[in-house]
Structure formats: C-alpha cells, structure tokens
Amino acid sequence: MSTVKAKQSGVFYRRPAPEADPYVREGGHVDPGQTIAVIEAVKTYNPVKSETGGTVTRFLLDDGAQVSPGQEVAEVTD
C-alpha cells in the first residue's frame, strides 16, 4: 500500500465542482499520474495526483478539510 500526499497547503476537494462526481471513488482504479483531488489555495485549484496505479482503498480527508504539505490524503493498493 502507498499513500498520496499533499504537496501544498490549502483546502482539499475530491471533486472538480460541488455538483460534479468525484475524480475517483473509494474502491476505484487509478493510473499513475491520475488526478484524484484538488487543493484550493488563493483561488487556484492544484491537482493532487496518484504517483502509483492501483485501487483507492480510502480517502483520509473529507471535502473542505484543511490540508498541510506532506499530509496523507488517500491510500492506494497495488
């Protein structure tokens, strides 16, 4: 298992817009480099990308949570 970590501080969102579907759901497959969430900082939305491929087993943050650089945001299994 590996974890996806935030590269910056801001507000964590699992979907591109409030009415949109999440980038990926728990139990969903991701490819290396795939966007799984965004972090909003100063009105700019920066992608959070999985470095490995596999299944997202769980997200460690809720939508709208504050996140810090290096904080784990999701777990991915091979």
Protein backbone atom coordinates (compact mmCIF):
# COMPACT_ATOMS: atom_id res chain seq x y z
CA MET A 1 0.00 0.00 0.00
CA SER A 2 1.12 3.53 -0.72
CA THR A 3 -0.30 6.90 0.24
CA VAL A 4 -0.94 10.01 -1.79
CA LYS A 5 0.38 13.12 -0.05
CA ALA A 6 -0.48 16.77 -0.44
CA LYS A 7 2.25 18.88 -1.97
CA GLN A 8 0.92 22.15 -0.56
CA SER A 9 -1.43 23.60 2.00
CA GLY A 10 -4.99 24.65 1.25
CA VAL A 11 -8.49 23.22 1.14
CA PHE A 12 -8.93 19.62 -0.08
CA TYR A 13 -11.70 18.73 -2.56
CA ARG A 14 -12.43 15.31 -4.08
CA ARG A 15 -14.50 16.74 -6.96
CA PRO A 16 -13.93 19.49 -9.55
CA ALA A 17 -17.18 21.27 -8.62
CA PRO A 18 -19.78 20.85 -5.84
CA GLU A 19 -22.33 19.23 -8.18
CA ALA A 20 -19.79 17.06 -10.06
CA ASP A 21 -18.88 13.44 -9.44
CA PRO A 22 -15.64 12.80 -7.52
CA TYR A 23 -12.45 12.38 -9.55
CA VAL A 24 -12.34 8.82 -8.17
CA ARG A 25 -14.39 6.96 -5.57
CA GLU A 26 -13.09 4.69 -2.83
CA GLY A 27 -12.67 1.29 -4.45
CA GLY A 28 -12.00 2.90 -7.84
CA HIS A 29 -8.96 2.27 -10.03
CA VAL A 30 -6.31 4.96 -10.63
CA ASP A 31 -3.41 5.11 -13.04
CA PRO A 32 -0.05 6.70 -12.22
CA GLY A 33 -0.35 10.47 -12.65
CA GLN A 34 -4.15 10.48 -12.48
CA THR A 35 -5.80 13.37 -10.63
CA ILE A 36 -7.70 12.14 -7.57
CA ALA A 37 -8.49 15.50 -5.94
CA VAL A 38 -7.59 19.19 -5.93
CA ILE A 39 -6.26 21.60 -3.34
CA GLU A 40 -7.53 25.17 -3.45
CA ALA A 41 -5.08 27.84 -2.38
CA VAL A 42 -5.57 31.53 -3.09
CA LYS A 43 -8.41 30.83 -5.58
CA THR A 44 -6.18 28.45 -7.56
CA TYR A 45 -7.03 24.75 -7.83
CA ASN A 46 -3.99 22.48 -7.93
CA PRO A 47 -4.32 18.78 -8.82
CA VAL A 48 -3.45 16.01 -6.38
CA LYS A 49 -2.14 13.11 -8.45
CA SER A 50 -1.53 9.48 -7.59
CA GLU A 51 2.10 8.50 -8.10
CA THR A 52 1.21 4.81 -8.40
CA GLY A 53 -1.54 2.83 -10.06
CA GLY A 54 -3.98 0.65 -8.19
CA THR A 55 -7.16 0.89 -6.16
CA VAL A 56 -8.02 3.81 -3.88
CA THR A 57 -8.90 1.99 -0.66
CA ARG A 58 -9.86 5.10 1.28
CA PHE A 59 -9.58 8.85 1.50
CA LEU A 60 -8.13 10.21 4.72
CA LEU A 61 -9.77 13.65 4.45
CA ASP A 62 -13.28 14.93 3.84
CA ASP A 63 -14.20 17.53 1.24
CA GLY A 64 -13.45 21.01 2.53
CA ALA A 65 -10.79 19.88 5.02
CA GLN A 66 -7.66 21.94 5.53
CA VAL A 67 -4.54 20.12 4.37
CA SER A 68 -0.83 20.71 5.00
CA PRO A 69 2.16 19.88 2.78
CA GLY A 70 3.16 16.22 3.21
CA GLN A 71 -0.16 15.25 4.78
CA GLU A 72 -1.52 11.90 3.58
CA VAL A 73 -4.82 12.29 1.74
CA ALA A 74 -5.53 8.80 0.31
CA GLU A 75 -4.40 5.17 0.41
CA VAL A 76 -3.74 3.23 -2.81
CA THR A 77 -3.10 -0.53 -3.05
CA ASP A 78 -1.50 -2.33 -5.99
